[in-house]
Amino acid sequence: MHRGMLDGNSGLSSEKISHNPWSLRCHKEQLKLMRSESKERKLYKFLLLENVVQHFKFPCVLDLKMGTRQHGDDASEEKAARQTKKCEQSTSAALGVRVCGMQVFQMDSGIYLCRNKYYGRGLSIEGFRQALYQYLHNGVNLRRDLFRPVLSKLRNLVAVVERQASYRFYSSSLLIIYDGMDHARAESHTKHSDTALMDSPQDKPTPDPNPEVDVRMIDFAHSTFKGFRDDPTVHDGPDMGYIFGLGNLINILEEINMENQ
């Protein structure tokens, strides 16, 4: 099988490529911006980021923009109005969560299906639900083994966020990550990379009963809490917009799981 990407938001729908087109585009645009703003500089400052998918052979990633509000306390009136409009026109207002990006490994074709933030902004509530289903579907079947660990981590996260008085996670995202193949299938795929998986009973791998799943909160540029850098605005209680989004995310996943028992 060929390991590549399909971008559902571009003209590359019939072309197999070896990278995530949206990530590459963002990377190139950022480098171009840095060069244009710092032509005379020889030193640059960088943030060192963790590669959260380094442990996964075939990382499937869902990027969710969380909360009912996306602008920070320091946003101008123009920016606040713009971000509020984005929320109102997407599932952010109705559900407290919207799809910001997605890549899913497809077992039947050996490629990744990719979606970007513009796809997520245009989804209805039912469309968001279908996107979650698609994220957990490998092109052959629904990964029902993932519901338990994903839901467990999300419920634990709710319990933690509910205890964080004054914290606001405006414009932050939530990453959900799993491996597109369980360990046994990944080994079989490597061994028979140019041939179809064997169909005989002795060659069929046993799915991992405890698949590795990771859930990460990311992007805290507009987050704040009492005492943070002398921010003048102090919020009371937990971030209810974020909790609202987590609750709806959990409910929809539970519904999908129940419907596919």
C-alpha atoms as a PDB file:
ATOM      1  CA  MET A   1       0.000   0.000   0.000  1.00  0.00           C
ATOM      2  CA  HIS A   2       1.081   3.562  -0.621  1.00  0.00           C
ATOM      3  CA  ARG A   3       1.198   5.831   2.404  1.00  0.00           C
ATOM      4  CA  GLY A   4      -0.031   9.228   1.292  1.00  0.00           C
ATOM      5  CA  MET A   5      -2.655  11.878   1.842  1.00  0.00           C
ATOM      6  CA  LEU A   6      -5.900  12.853   0.227  1.00  0.00           C
ATOM      7  CA  ASP A   7      -6.967  16.432   0.821  1.00  0.00           C
ATOM      8  CA  GLY A   8     -10.746  16.643   0.692  1.00  0.00           C
ATOM      9  CA  ASN A   9     -10.569  20.451   0.391  1.00  0.00           C
ATOM     10  CA  SER A  10      -8.353  20.838  -2.660  1.00  0.00           C
ATOM     11  CA  GLY A  11      -7.941  19.622  -6.204  1.00  0.00           C
ATOM     12  CA  LEU A  12      -5.738  16.773  -5.020  1.00  0.00           C
ATOM     13  CA  SER A  13      -8.608  14.380  -4.436  1.00  0.00           C
ATOM     14  CA  SER A  14      -7.332  11.923  -7.043  1.00  0.00           C
ATOM     15  CA  GLU A  15      -3.608  12.337  -6.416  1.00  0.00           C
ATOM     16  CA  LYS A  16      -1.601  10.397  -3.855  1.00  0.00           C
ATOM     17  CA  ILE A  17       0.879  12.620  -2.020  1.00  0.00           C
ATOM     18  CA  SER A  18       3.265  11.953   0.853  1.00  0.00           C
ATOM     19  CA  HIS A  19       2.430  14.827   3.201  1.00  0.00           C
ATOM     20  CA  ASN A  20      -0.430  16.678   4.797  1.00  0.00           C
ATOM     21  CA  PRO A  21      -1.070  19.523   2.304  1.00  0.00           C
ATOM     22  CA  TRP A  22      -2.562  21.889   4.868  1.00  0.00           C
ATOM     23  CA  SER A  23       0.396  21.531   7.271  1.00  0.00           C
ATOM     24  CA  LEU A  24       2.880  22.116   4.475  1.00  0.00           C
ATOM     25  CA  ARG A  25       1.015  25.219   3.305  1.00  0.00           C
ATOM     26  CA  CYS A  26       0.978  26.700   6.826  1.00  0.00           C
ATOM     27  CA  HIS A  27       4.678  25.930   7.253  1.00  0.00           C
ATOM     28  CA  LYS A  28       5.638  27.646   3.984  1.00  0.00           C
ATOM     29  CA  GLU A  29       3.501  30.703   4.712  1.00  0.00           C
ATOM     30  CA  GLN A  30       5.075  31.112   8.154  1.00  0.00           C
ATOM     31  CA  LEU A  31       8.611  30.866   6.751  1.00  0.00           C
ATOM     32  CA  LYS A  32       7.746  33.417   4.074  1.00  0.00           C
ATOM     33  CA  LEU A  33       6.386  35.807   6.713  1.00  0.00           C
ATOM     34  CA  MET A  34       9.478  35.450   8.890  1.00  0.00           C
ATOM     35  CA  ARG A  35      11.792  36.164   5.969  1.00  0.00           C
ATOM     36  CA  SER A  36       9.851  39.243   4.878  1.00  0.00           C
ATOM     37  CA  GLU A  37       9.771  40.756   8.389  1.00  0.00           C
ATOM     38  CA  SER A  38      13.357  39.965   9.380  1.00  0.00           C
ATOM     39  CA  LYS A  39      15.526  40.438   6.299  1.00  0.00           C
ATOM     40  CA  GLU A  40      18.367  42.036   8.264  1.00  0.00           C
ATOM     41  CA  ARG A  41      18.235  39.736  11.270  1.00  0.00           C
ATOM     42  CA  LYS A  42      20.535  36.783  11.711  1.00  0.00           C
ATOM     43  CA  LEU A  43      19.011  35.463  14.937  1.00  0.00           C
ATOM     44  CA  TYR A  44      15.495  34.137  15.326  1.00  0.00           C
ATOM     45  CA  LYS A  45      13.463  33.062  18.327  1.00  0.00           C
ATOM     46  CA  PHE A  46      11.531  29.808  18.139  1.00  0.00           C
ATOM     47  CA  LEU A  47       9.139  27.874  20.317  1.00  0.00           C
ATOM     48  CA  LEU A  48      10.220  24.281  20.860  1.00  0.00           C
ATOM     49  CA  LEU A  49       7.188  22.100  20.276  1.00  0.00           C
ATOM     50  CA  GLU A  50       6.623  18.498  21.210  1.00  0.00           C
ATOM     51  CA  ASN A  51       5.798  16.083  18.409  1.00  0.00           C
ATOM     52  CA  VAL A  52       2.722  14.541  19.998  1.00  0.00           C
ATOM     53  CA  VAL A  53       2.318  11.928  17.245  1.00  0.00           C
ATOM     54  CA  GLN A  54       5.858  10.549  17.430  1.00  0.00           C
ATOM     55  CA  HIS A  55       4.683   7.320  19.107  1.00  0.00           C
ATOM     56  CA  PHE A  56       2.125   6.516  16.407  1.00  0.00           C
ATOM     57  CA  LYS A  57       2.979   4.652  13.199  1.00  0.00           C
ATOM     58  CA  PHE A  58      -0.128   5.853  11.351  1.00  0.00           C
ATOM     59  CA  PRO A  59      -1.302   8.905  13.349  1.00  0.00           C
ATOM     60  CA  CYS A  60      -4.959   9.816  12.971  1.00  0.00           C
ATOM     61  CA  VAL A  61      -5.524  13.317  14.342  1.00  0.00           C
ATOM     62  CA  LEU A  62      -8.667  15.315  15.070  1.00  0.00           C
ATOM     63  CA  ASP A  63      -8.134  19.019  15.827  1.00  0.00           C
ATOM     64  CA  LEU A  64     -11.135  20.571  17.603  1.00  0.00           C
ATOM     65  CA  LYS A  65     -11.513  24.278  18.333  1.00  0.00           C
ATOM     66  CA  MET A  66     -13.085  24.377  21.778  1.00  0.00           C
ATOM     67  CA  GLY A  67     -15.462  26.771  23.487  1.00  0.00           C
ATOM     68  CA  THR A  68     -18.244  29.156  22.520  1.00  0.00           C
ATOM     69  CA  ARG A  69     -15.888  32.157  22.402  1.00  0.00           C
ATOM     70  CA  GLN A  70     -12.678  32.371  20.380  1.00  0.00           C
ATOM     71  CA  HIS A  71     -11.295  35.887  21.007  1.00  0.00           C
ATOM     72  CA  GLY A  72      -9.070  36.805  23.926  1.00  0.00           C
ATOM     73  CA  ASP A  73      -9.665  39.615  26.396  1.00  0.00           C
ATOM     74  CA  ASP A  74      -7.100  41.768  24.572  1.00  0.00           C
ATOM     75  CA  ALA A  75      -8.836  41.491  21.180  1.00  0.00           C
ATOM     76  CA  SER A  76      -9.897  44.684  19.406  1.00  0.00           C
ATOM     77  CA  GLU A  77     -13.604  45.306  18.850  1.00  0.00           C
ATOM     78  CA  GLU A  78     -13.130  44.448  15.177  1.00  0.00           C
ATOM     79  CA  LYS A  79     -11.401  41.154  15.911  1.00  0.00           C
ATOM     80  CA  ALA A  80     -13.893  40.234  18.628  1.00  0.00           C
ATOM     81  CA  ALA A  81     -16.777  40.860  16.215  1.00  0.00           C
ATOM     82  CA  ARG A  82     -15.065  38.805  13.521  1.00  0.00           C
ATOM     83  CA  GLN A  83     -14.418  35.863  15.834  1.00  0.00           C
ATOM     84  CA  THR A  84     -17.936  36.035  17.253  1.00  0.00           C
ATOM     85  CA  LYS A  85     -19.336  35.852  13.724  1.00  0.00           C
ATOM     86  CA  LYS A  86     -17.235  32.747  13.004  1.00  0.00           C
ATOM     87  CA  CYS A  87     -18.654  31.109  16.107  1.00  0.00           C
ATOM     88  CA  GLU A  88     -22.224  32.009  15.217  1.00  0.00           C
ATOM     89  CA  GLN A  89     -21.828  30.643  11.687  1.00  0.00           C
ATOM     90  CA  SER A  90     -20.300  27.341  12.824  1.00  0.00           C
ATOM     91  CA  THR A  91     -20.959  24.678  15.433  1.00  0.00           C
ATOM     92  CA  SER A  92     -18.924  26.668  17.994  1.00  0.00           C
ATOM     93  CA  ALA A  93     -21.996  28.599  19.143  1.00  0.00           C
ATOM     94  CA  ALA A  94     -24.430  25.663  19.091  1.00  0.00           C
ATOM     95  CA  LEU A  95     -22.097  22.942  20.417  1.00  0.00           C
ATOM     96  CA  GLY A  96     -19.099  24.744  21.896  1.00  0.00           C
ATOM     97  CA  VAL A  97     -16.798  22.825  19.536  1.00  0.00           C
ATOM     98  CA  ARG A  98     -15.962  22.746  15.832  1.00  0.00           C
ATOM     99  CA  VAL A  99     -13.644  20.776  13.569  1.00  0.00           C
ATOM    100  CA  CYS A 100     -10.423  22.656  12.880  1.00  0.00           C
ATOM    101  CA  GLY A 101      -8.584  19.868  11.066  1.00  0.00           C
ATOM    102  CA  MET A 102      -8.488  16.113  10.602  1.00  0.00           C
ATOM    103  CA  GLN A 103      -6.434  13.344   9.057  1.00  0.00           C
ATOM    104  CA  VAL A 104      -7.570   9.717   9.061  1.00  0.00           C
ATOM    105  CA  PHE A 105      -5.677   6.710   7.718  1.00  0.00           C
ATOM    106  CA  GLN A 106      -7.805   4.653   5.322  1.00  0.00           C
ATOM    107  CA  MET A 107      -7.129   0.919   5.493  1.00  0.00           C
ATOM    108  CA  ASP A 108      -8.800   0.184   2.169  1.00  0.00           C
ATOM    109  CA  SER A 109      -6.657   2.587   0.132  1.00  0.00           C
ATOM    110  CA  GLY A 110      -3.535   3.008   2.273  1.00  0.00           C
ATOM    111  CA  ILE A 111      -3.765   6.797   2.232  1.00  0.00           C
ATOM    112  CA  TYR A 112      -4.815   9.565   4.626  1.00  0.00           C
ATOM    113  CA  LEU A 113      -8.023  11.516   4.244  1.00  0.00           C
ATOM    114  CA  CYS A 114      -7.445  15.166   5.241  1.00  0.00           C
ATOM    115  CA  ARG A 115      -9.822  17.984   6.147  1.00  0.00           C
ATOM    116  CA  ASN A 116      -8.947  21.584   7.026  1.00  0.00           C
ATOM    117  CA  LYS A 117     -10.469  24.397   9.097  1.00  0.00           C
ATOM    118  CA  TYR A 118     -12.656  25.708   6.278  1.00  0.00           C
ATOM    119  CA  TYR A 119     -14.322  22.315   6.041  1.00  0.00           C
ATOM    120  CA  GLY A 120     -14.994  22.450   9.775  1.00  0.00           C
ATOM    121  CA  ARG A 121     -16.462  25.943   9.688  1.00  0.00           C
ATOM    122  CA  GLY A 122     -19.056  24.917   7.145  1.00  0.00           C
ATOM    123  CA  LEU A 123     -20.397  21.918   9.066  1.00  0.00           C
ATOM    124  CA  SER A 124     -23.898  21.808  10.512  1.00  0.00           C
ATOM    125  CA  ILE A 125     -24.562  19.996  13.793  1.00  0.00           C
ATOM    126  CA  GLU A 126     -25.351  16.829  11.850  1.00  0.00           C
ATOM    127  CA  GLY A 127     -22.287  17.419   9.682  1.00  0.00           C
ATOM    128  CA  PHE A 128     -20.145  17.662  12.798  1.00  0.00           C
ATOM    129  CA  ARG A 129     -21.584  14.369  13.977  1.00  0.00           C
ATOM    130  CA  GLN A 130     -20.759  12.746  10.632  1.00  0.00           C
ATOM    131  CA  ALA A 131     -17.225  14.159  10.806  1.00  0.00           C
ATOM    132  CA  LEU A 132     -16.699  12.443  14.174  1.00  0.00           C
ATOM    133  CA  TYR A 133     -17.950   9.200  12.673  1.00  0.00           C
ATOM    134  CA  GLN A 134     -15.589   9.602   9.715  1.00  0.00           C
ATOM    135  CA  TYR A 135     -12.668  10.288  12.045  1.00  0.00           C
ATOM    136  CA  LEU A 136     -13.273   6.959  13.792  1.00  0.00           C
ATOM    137  CA  HIS A 137     -13.781   5.023  10.542  1.00  0.00           C
ATOM    138  CA  ASN A 138     -10.756   3.488   8.846  1.00  0.00           C
ATOM    139  CA  GLY A 139     -12.334   3.053   5.417  1.00  0.00           C
ATOM    140  CA  VAL A 140     -13.277  -0.532   6.231  1.00  0.00           C
ATOM    141  CA  ASN A 141     -15.082  -0.386   9.554  1.00  0.00           C
ATOM    142  CA  LEU A 142     -15.794   1.808  12.542  1.00  0.00           C
ATOM    143  CA  ARG A 143     -13.062   1.622  15.188  1.00  0.00           C
ATOM    144  CA  ARG A 144     -15.415   0.734  18.030  1.00  0.00           C
ATOM    145  CA  ASP A 145     -12.413  -0.148  20.210  1.00  0.00           C
ATOM    146  CA  LEU A 146     -11.566   3.550  20.422  1.00  0.00           C
ATOM    147  CA  PHE A 147     -14.752   4.774  22.093  1.00  0.00           C
ATOM    148  CA  ARG A 148     -13.917   3.556  25.592  1.00  0.00           C
ATOM    149  CA  PRO A 149     -10.421   5.098  25.863  1.00  0.00           C
ATOM    150  CA  VAL A 150     -11.407   8.348  24.116  1.00  0.00           C
ATOM    151  CA  LEU A 151     -14.510   8.838  26.263  1.00  0.00           C
ATOM    152  CA  SER A 152     -12.575   7.989  29.417  1.00  0.00           C
ATOM    153  CA  LYS A 153      -9.968  10.664  28.723  1.00  0.00           C
ATOM    154  CA  LEU A 154     -12.607  13.255  27.807  1.00  0.00           C
ATOM    155  CA  ARG A 155     -14.560  12.621  31.019  1.00  0.00           C
ATOM    156  CA  ASN A 156     -11.361  12.966  33.052  1.00  0.00           C
ATOM    157  CA  LEU A 157     -10.639  16.247  31.272  1.00  0.00           C
ATOM    158  CA  VAL A 158     -14.097  17.585  32.136  1.00  0.00           C
ATOM    159  CA  ALA A 159     -13.469  16.813  35.806  1.00  0.00           C
ATOM    160  CA  VAL A 160     -10.170  18.728  35.683  1.00  0.00           C
ATOM    161  CA  VAL A 161     -11.494  21.793  33.803  1.00  0.00           C
ATOM    162  CA  GLU A 162     -14.464  22.057  36.159  1.00  0.00           C
ATOM    163  CA  ARG A 163     -12.027  22.626  39.042  1.00  0.00           C
ATOM    164  CA  GLN A 164     -10.098  25.428  37.313  1.00  0.00           C
ATOM    165  CA  ALA A 165     -11.656  28.642  38.665  1.00  0.00           C
ATOM    166  CA  SER A 166     -10.850  31.821  36.648  1.00  0.00           C
ATOM    167  CA  TYR A 167      -9.175  29.901  33.797  1.00  0.00           C
ATOM    168  CA  ARG A 168     -10.328  30.714  30.241  1.00  0.00           C
ATOM    169  CA  PHE A 169      -9.023  28.742  27.260  1.00  0.00           C
ATOM    170  CA  TYR A 170     -10.164  31.062  24.479  1.00  0.00           C
ATOM    171  CA  SER A 171      -9.227  29.902  20.956  1.00  0.00           C
ATOM    172  CA  SER A 172      -7.469  26.798  22.260  1.00  0.00           C
ATOM    173  CA  SER A 173      -7.802  23.428  20.585  1.00  0.00           C
ATOM    174  CA  LEU A 174      -8.164  19.826  21.648  1.00  0.00           C
ATOM    175  CA  LEU A 175      -6.265  17.094  19.815  1.00  0.00           C
ATOM    176  CA  ILE A 176      -7.502  13.511  19.760  1.00  0.00           C
ATOM    177  CA  ILE A 177      -4.946  11.054  18.392  1.00  0.00           C
ATOM    178  CA  TYR A 178      -4.904   7.329  17.718  1.00  0.00           C
ATOM    179  CA  ASP A 179      -2.992   4.920  15.495  1.00  0.00           C
ATOM    180  CA  GLY A 180      -4.614   4.086  12.165  1.00  0.00           C
ATOM    181  CA  MET A 181      -3.473   0.477  12.581  1.00  0.00           C
ATOM    182  CA  ASP A 182      -3.220  -1.536  15.721  1.00  0.00           C
ATOM    183  CA  HIS A 183       0.222  -2.960  16.534  1.00  0.00           C
ATOM    184  CA  ALA A 184      -0.378  -6.340  14.898  1.00  0.00           C
ATOM    185  CA  ARG A 185      -1.711  -4.821  11.671  1.00  0.00           C
ATOM    186  CA  ALA A 186       1.152  -2.339  11.527  1.00  0.00           C
ATOM    187  CA  GLU A 187       3.681  -5.176  11.728  1.00  0.00           C
ATOM    188  CA  SER A 188       1.823  -7.124   9.053  1.00  0.00           C
ATOM    189  CA  HIS A 189       1.654  -4.009   6.865  1.00  0.00           C
ATOM    190  CA  THR A 190       5.423  -3.508   7.141  1.00  0.00           C
ATOM    191  CA  LYS A 191       6.145  -7.149   6.339  1.00  0.00           C
ATOM    192  CA  HIS A 192       3.822  -7.230   3.325  1.00  0.00           C
ATOM    193  CA  SER A 193       4.071  -3.596   2.206  1.00  0.00           C
ATOM    194  CA  ASP A 194       3.693  -4.431  -1.479  1.00  0.00           C
ATOM    195  CA  THR A 195       1.085  -7.143  -1.139  1.00  0.00           C
ATOM    196  CA  ALA A 196      -2.422  -7.483   0.253  1.00  0.00           C
ATOM    197  CA  LEU A 197      -2.839  -8.606   3.848  1.00  0.00           C
ATOM    198  CA  MET A 198      -3.125 -12.389   4.092  1.00  0.00           C
ATOM    199  CA  ASP A 199      -6.664 -13.732   4.462  1.00  0.00           C
ATOM    200  CA  SER A 200      -5.883 -17.039   6.114  1.00  0.00           C
ATOM    201  CA  PRO A 201      -6.945 -17.312   9.801  1.00  0.00           C
ATOM    202  CA  GLN A 202      -3.408 -17.787  11.022  1.00  0.00           C
ATOM    203  CA  ASP A 203      -2.278 -14.551   9.340  1.00  0.00           C
ATOM    204  CA  LYS A 204      -5.101 -12.356  10.610  1.00  0.00           C
ATOM    205  CA  PRO A 205      -3.796 -10.164  13.449  1.00  0.00           C
ATOM    206  CA  THR A 206      -5.633  -9.811  16.709  1.00  0.00           C
ATOM    207  CA  PRO A 207      -6.750  -6.213  17.379  1.00  0.00           C
ATOM    208  CA  ASP A 208      -5.198  -4.540  20.403  1.00  0.00           C
ATOM    209  CA  PRO A 209      -7.785  -4.639  23.249  1.00  0.00           C
ATOM    210  CA  ASN A 210      -6.210  -1.474  24.680  1.00  0.00           C
ATOM    211  CA  PRO A 211      -5.439   0.829  21.731  1.00  0.00           C
ATOM    212  CA  GLU A 212      -3.228   3.810  22.496  1.00  0.00           C
ATOM    213  CA  VAL A 213      -5.146   7.079  22.468  1.00  0.00           C
ATOM    214  CA  ASP A 214      -3.918  10.564  23.335  1.00  0.00           C
ATOM    215  CA  VAL A 215      -5.982  13.678  24.128  1.00  0.00           C
ATOM    216  CA  ARG A 216      -4.120  17.007  24.355  1.00  0.00           C
ATOM    217  CA  MET A 217      -5.110  20.594  25.054  1.00  0.00           C
ATOM    218  CA  ILE A 218      -3.027  22.903  22.811  1.00  0.00           C
ATOM    219  CA  ASP A 219      -2.743  26.548  21.673  1.00  0.00           C
ATOM    220  CA  PHE A 220      -2.901  28.791  24.742  1.00  0.00           C
ATOM    221  CA  ALA A 221      -2.028  32.143  23.141  1.00  0.00           C
ATOM    222  CA  HIS A 222      -5.325  33.681  24.295  1.00  0.00           C
ATOM    223  CA  SER A 223      -5.743  31.729  27.521  1.00  0.00           C
ATOM    224  CA  THR A 224      -5.736  33.507  30.876  1.00  0.00           C
ATOM    225  CA  PHE A 225      -6.323  33.048  34.602  1.00  0.00           C
ATOM    226  CA  LYS A 226      -6.291  35.176  37.728  1.00  0.00           C
ATOM    227  CA  GLY A 227      -2.820  36.667  38.227  1.00  0.00           C
ATOM    228  CA  PHE A 228      -1.520  35.778  34.753  1.00  0.00           C
ATOM    229  CA  ARG A 229       0.810  38.572  33.530  1.00  0.00           C
ATOM    230  CA  ASP A 230      -1.301  41.179  35.340  1.00  0.00           C
ATOM    231  CA  ASP A 231      -4.258  40.629  33.008  1.00  0.00           C
ATOM    232  CA  PRO A 232      -6.859  43.229  34.029  1.00  0.00           C
ATOM    233  CA  THR A 233      -9.841  40.958  33.356  1.00  0.00           C
ATOM    234  CA  VAL A 234     -10.455  38.289  35.980  1.00  0.00           C
ATOM    235  CA  HIS A 235     -13.083  35.660  35.224  1.00  0.00           C
ATOM    236  CA  ASP A 236     -15.182  33.933  37.841  1.00  0.00           C
ATOM    237  CA  GLY A 237     -15.645  30.168  37.951  1.00  0.00           C
ATOM    238  CA  PRO A 238     -14.598  27.544  35.393  1.00  0.00           C
ATOM    239  CA  ASP A 239     -14.665  28.016  31.620  1.00  0.00           C
ATOM    240  CA  MET A 240     -18.281  27.024  30.959  1.00  0.00           C
ATOM    241  CA  GLY A 241     -17.965  27.469  27.190  1.00  0.00           C
ATOM    242  CA  TYR A 242     -15.159  24.900  27.128  1.00  0.00           C
ATOM    243  CA  ILE A 243     -17.069  22.552  29.427  1.00  0.00           C
ATOM    244  CA  PHE A 244     -20.160  22.957  27.214  1.00  0.00           C
ATOM    245  CA  GLY A 245     -18.108  21.855  24.205  1.00  0.00           C
ATOM    246  CA  LEU A 246     -16.645  18.855  26.020  1.00  0.00           C
ATOM    247  CA  GLY A 247     -20.101  17.785  27.161  1.00  0.00           C
ATOM    248  CA  ASN A 248     -21.540  17.894  23.650  1.00  0.00           C
ATOM    249  CA  LEU A 249     -18.513  16.093  22.252  1.00  0.00           C
ATOM    250  CA  ILE A 250     -18.940  13.306  24.812  1.00  0.00           C
ATOM    251  CA  ASN A 251     -22.697  13.048  24.184  1.00  0.00           C
ATOM    252  CA  ILE A 252     -22.295  12.771  20.418  1.00  0.00           C
ATOM    253  CA  LEU A 253     -19.571  10.124  20.733  1.00  0.00           C
ATOM    254  CA  GLU A 254     -21.742   8.152  23.151  1.00  0.00           C
ATOM    255  CA  GLU A 255     -24.647   8.308  20.681  1.00  0.00           C
ATOM    256  CA  ILE A 256     -22.467   7.089  17.805  1.00  0.00           C
ATOM    257  CA  ASN A 257     -21.169   4.273  19.981  1.00  0.00           C
ATOM    258  CA  MET A 258     -24.672   3.174  21.051  1.00  0.00           C
ATOM    259  CA  GLU A 259     -25.996   3.272  17.484  1.00  0.00           C
ATOM    260  CA  ASN A 260     -23.200   1.012  16.277  1.00  0.00           C
ATOM    261  CA  GLN A 261     -23.248  -1.657  18.967  1.00  0.00           C
END
